[in-house]
Amino acid sequence: MQPLTRHKSTRSPGGSNCLETAATPATIRVRGSENPNGPRLAPRPATWTRFAVYAAGDAHGRSRGSRP
C-alpha cells in the first residue's frame, strides 16, 4: 500500500492545529495535525462533501444548516 498524500488547510497559521485530509477511492481520511496518531475519521466522499458544504456556510453568508 502506498503512503497517503495528506493536505493541510492553507488558512491555518503555520500549518498547525488544523485538519489534514487524504483521499482514497472509498474514503476521505481526516486527522488533526496536532496529534497525527490520535483519533481519525474516514467518511465516504459524498458524506465529506456534505459536511464541507455545511461547514463553509458561514463563509458564504448563509446560516449553518441552510441549503446551498
N, C-alpha and C. Protein backbone atom coordinates (compact mmCIF):
# COMPACT_ATOMS: atom_id res chain seq x y z
N MET A 1 0.84 -1.18 0.00
CA MET A 1 0.00 0.00 0.00
C MET A 1 0.89 1.25 0.00
N GLN A 2 0.57 2.20 -0.85
CA GLN A 2 1.33 3.44 -0.92
C GLN A 2 0.92 4.38 0.20
N PRO A 3 1.87 5.20 0.69
CA PRO A 3 1.50 6.16 1.73
C PRO A 3 0.50 7.18 1.19
N LEU A 4 -0.33 7.68 2.08
CA LEU A 4 -1.34 8.67 1.70
C LEU A 4 -0.71 10.04 1.51
N THR A 5 -1.20 10.78 0.54
CA THR A 5 -0.79 12.16 0.35
C THR A 5 -1.77 13.03 1.13
N ARG A 6 -1.27 13.67 2.17
CA ARG A 6 -2.12 14.47 3.05
C ARG A 6 -2.05 15.95 2.67
N HIS A 7 -3.18 16.64 2.87
CA HIS A 7 -3.28 18.06 2.58
C HIS A 7 -3.72 18.79 3.85
N LYS A 8 -3.06 19.92 4.14
CA LYS A 8 -3.43 20.75 5.29
C LYS A 8 -4.12 22.01 4.80
N SER A 9 -4.93 22.57 5.67
CA SER A 9 -5.60 23.82 5.36
C SER A 9 -4.58 24.93 5.13
N THR A 10 -4.83 25.76 4.13
CA THR A 10 -3.95 26.90 3.88
C THR A 10 -4.29 28.06 4.80
N ARG A 11 -5.39 27.96 5.53
CA ARG A 11 -5.81 29.04 6.43
C ARG A 11 -5.29 28.88 7.85
N SER A 12 -4.59 27.81 8.13
CA SER A 12 -4.07 27.60 9.48
C SER A 12 -2.72 28.28 9.63
N PRO A 13 -2.54 29.08 10.69
CA PRO A 13 -1.26 29.76 10.89
C PRO A 13 -0.13 28.77 11.09
N GLY A 14 0.85 28.83 10.22
CA GLY A 14 1.99 27.94 10.34
C GLY A 14 1.68 26.49 10.03
N GLY A 15 0.49 26.20 9.55
CA GLY A 15 0.12 24.83 9.22
C GLY A 15 -0.12 23.94 10.43
N SER A 16 -0.32 24.55 11.60
CA SER A 16 -0.55 23.75 12.81
C SER A 16 -2.00 23.85 13.25
N ASN A 17 -2.39 22.93 14.10
CA ASN A 17 -3.75 22.92 14.66
C ASN A 17 -4.83 23.00 13.59
N CYS A 18 -4.71 22.14 12.62
CA CYS A 18 -5.72 22.12 11.56
C CYS A 18 -6.05 20.66 11.23
N LEU A 19 -6.97 20.49 10.33
CA LEU A 19 -7.29 19.15 9.85
C LEU A 19 -6.42 18.82 8.65
N GLU A 20 -6.02 17.57 8.57
CA GLU A 20 -5.33 17.06 7.39
C GLU A 20 -6.26 16.07 6.72
N THR A 21 -6.32 16.12 5.41
CA THR A 21 -7.16 15.19 4.66
C THR A 21 -6.32 14.43 3.65
N ALA A 22 -6.77 13.23 3.35
CA ALA A 22 -6.14 12.40 2.33
C ALA A 22 -7.24 11.58 1.67
N ALA A 23 -7.30 11.63 0.35
CA ALA A 23 -8.36 10.93 -0.37
C ALA A 23 -7.91 9.53 -0.80
N THR A 24 -8.81 8.58 -0.62
CA THR A 24 -8.64 7.24 -1.17
C THR A 24 -9.88 7.01 -2.04
N PRO A 25 -9.90 5.97 -2.84
CA PRO A 25 -11.08 5.74 -3.67
C PRO A 25 -12.38 5.59 -2.86
N ALA A 26 -12.30 5.05 -1.65
CA ALA A 26 -13.50 4.77 -0.88
C ALA A 26 -13.78 5.76 0.25
N THR A 27 -12.76 6.47 0.72
CA THR A 27 -12.94 7.35 1.88
C THR A 27 -12.09 8.61 1.76
N ILE A 28 -12.42 9.58 2.60
CA ILE A 28 -11.59 10.75 2.81
C ILE A 28 -11.06 10.59 4.23
N ARG A 29 -9.77 10.43 4.37
CA ARG A 29 -9.17 10.26 5.70
C ARG A 29 -8.92 11.62 6.32
N VAL A 30 -9.36 11.80 7.56
CA VAL A 30 -9.26 13.08 8.24
C VAL A 30 -8.60 12.86 9.60
N ARG A 31 -7.63 13.72 9.91
CA ARG A 31 -6.99 13.67 11.23
C ARG A 31 -6.56 15.07 11.63
N GLY A 32 -6.29 15.25 12.91
CA GLY A 32 -5.81 16.54 13.41
C GLY A 32 -4.30 16.62 13.27
N SER A 33 -3.79 17.74 12.78
CA SER A 33 -2.34 17.87 12.58
C SER A 33 -1.58 17.90 13.90
N GLU A 34 -2.24 18.37 14.97
CA GLU A 34 -1.54 18.46 16.26
C GLU A 34 -1.36 17.10 16.93
N ASN A 35 -2.10 16.08 16.47
CA ASN A 35 -2.00 14.74 17.04
C ASN A 35 -2.21 13.71 15.93
N PRO A 36 -1.22 13.53 15.04
CA PRO A 36 -1.42 12.65 13.88
C PRO A 36 -1.66 11.19 14.24
N ASN A 37 -1.33 10.78 15.44
CA ASN A 37 -1.59 9.40 15.85
C ASN A 37 -2.86 9.26 16.67
N GLY A 38 -3.59 10.36 16.80
CA GLY A 38 -4.82 10.36 17.59
C GLY A 38 -6.02 9.89 16.78
N PRO A 39 -7.21 10.24 17.24
CA PRO A 39 -8.44 9.82 16.56
C PRO A 39 -8.49 10.28 15.11
N ARG A 40 -9.14 9.48 14.29
CA ARG A 40 -9.27 9.78 12.86
C ARG A 40 -10.69 9.49 12.40
N LEU A 41 -11.07 10.15 11.34
CA LEU A 41 -12.36 9.90 10.69
C LEU A 41 -12.08 9.38 9.28
N ALA A 42 -13.01 8.61 8.75
CA ALA A 42 -12.88 8.12 7.38
C ALA A 42 -14.25 8.09 6.71
N PRO A 43 -14.87 9.27 6.52
CA PRO A 43 -16.18 9.29 5.86
C PRO A 43 -16.06 9.00 4.36
N ARG A 44 -17.15 8.57 3.79
CA ARG A 44 -17.21 8.38 2.34
C ARG A 44 -17.17 9.76 1.68
N PRO A 45 -16.71 9.84 0.43
CA PRO A 45 -16.59 11.15 -0.23
C PRO A 45 -17.89 11.97 -0.23
N ALA A 46 -19.03 11.36 -0.48
CA ALA A 46 -20.30 12.12 -0.50
C ALA A 46 -20.60 12.71 0.87
N THR A 47 -20.33 11.96 1.93
CA THR A 47 -20.57 12.44 3.29
C THR A 47 -19.64 13.61 3.61
N TRP A 48 -18.37 13.49 3.24
CA TRP A 48 -17.40 14.56 3.48
C TRP A 48 -17.80 15.83 2.71
N THR A 49 -18.27 15.67 1.49
CA THR A 49 -18.69 16.82 0.69
C THR A 49 -19.86 17.53 1.35
N ARG A 50 -20.85 16.78 1.84
CA ARG A 50 -21.98 17.41 2.52
C ARG A 50 -21.52 18.15 3.77
N PHE A 51 -20.60 17.56 4.53
CA PHE A 51 -20.07 18.23 5.72
C PHE A 51 -19.34 19.51 5.33
N ALA A 52 -18.49 19.46 4.32
CA ALA A 52 -17.71 20.63 3.91
C ALA A 52 -18.62 21.76 3.45
N VAL A 53 -19.67 21.45 2.71
CA VAL A 53 -20.62 22.47 2.27
C VAL A 53 -21.31 23.09 3.48
N TYR A 54 -21.72 22.27 4.42
CA TYR A 54 -22.36 22.76 5.64
C TYR A 54 -21.41 23.65 6.45
N ALA A 55 -20.17 23.19 6.63
CA ALA A 55 -19.20 23.94 7.44
C ALA A 55 -18.82 25.26 6.79
N ALA A 56 -18.82 25.32 5.48
CA ALA A 56 -18.46 26.55 4.77
C ALA A 56 -19.62 27.54 4.71
N GLY A 57 -20.78 27.17 5.18
CA GLY A 57 -21.95 28.03 5.10
C GLY A 57 -21.73 29.43 5.62
N ASP A 58 -21.08 29.60 6.76
CA ASP A 58 -20.84 30.92 7.33
C ASP A 58 -19.94 31.76 6.44
N ALA A 59 -18.99 31.15 5.78
CA ALA A 59 -18.04 31.88 4.95
C ALA A 59 -18.71 32.48 3.71
N HIS A 60 -19.87 31.99 3.34
CA HIS A 60 -20.55 32.47 2.14
C HIS A 60 -21.84 33.23 2.48
N GLY A 61 -21.96 33.66 3.72
CA GLY A 61 -23.09 34.48 4.11
C GLY A 61 -24.38 33.70 4.36
N ARG A 62 -24.31 32.41 4.37
CA ARG A 62 -25.51 31.60 4.66
C ARG A 62 -25.44 31.16 6.11
N SER A 63 -26.58 30.94 6.70
CA SER A 63 -26.59 30.41 8.05
C SER A 63 -26.34 28.91 7.99
N ARG A 64 -25.75 28.37 9.02
CA ARG A 64 -25.48 26.94 9.05
C ARG A 64 -26.78 26.18 8.97
N GLY A 65 -26.76 25.10 8.21
CA GLY A 65 -27.94 24.27 8.05
C GLY A 65 -28.77 24.65 6.85
N SER A 66 -28.49 25.81 6.23
CA SER A 66 -29.26 26.16 5.03
C SER A 66 -28.67 25.43 3.83
N ARG A 67 -29.49 25.22 2.87
CA ARG A 67 -29.05 24.52 1.65
C ARG A 67 -28.37 25.50 0.71
N PRO A 68 -27.28 25.06 0.03
CA PRO A 68 -26.60 25.97 -0.93
C PRO A 68 -27.46 26.23 -2.15
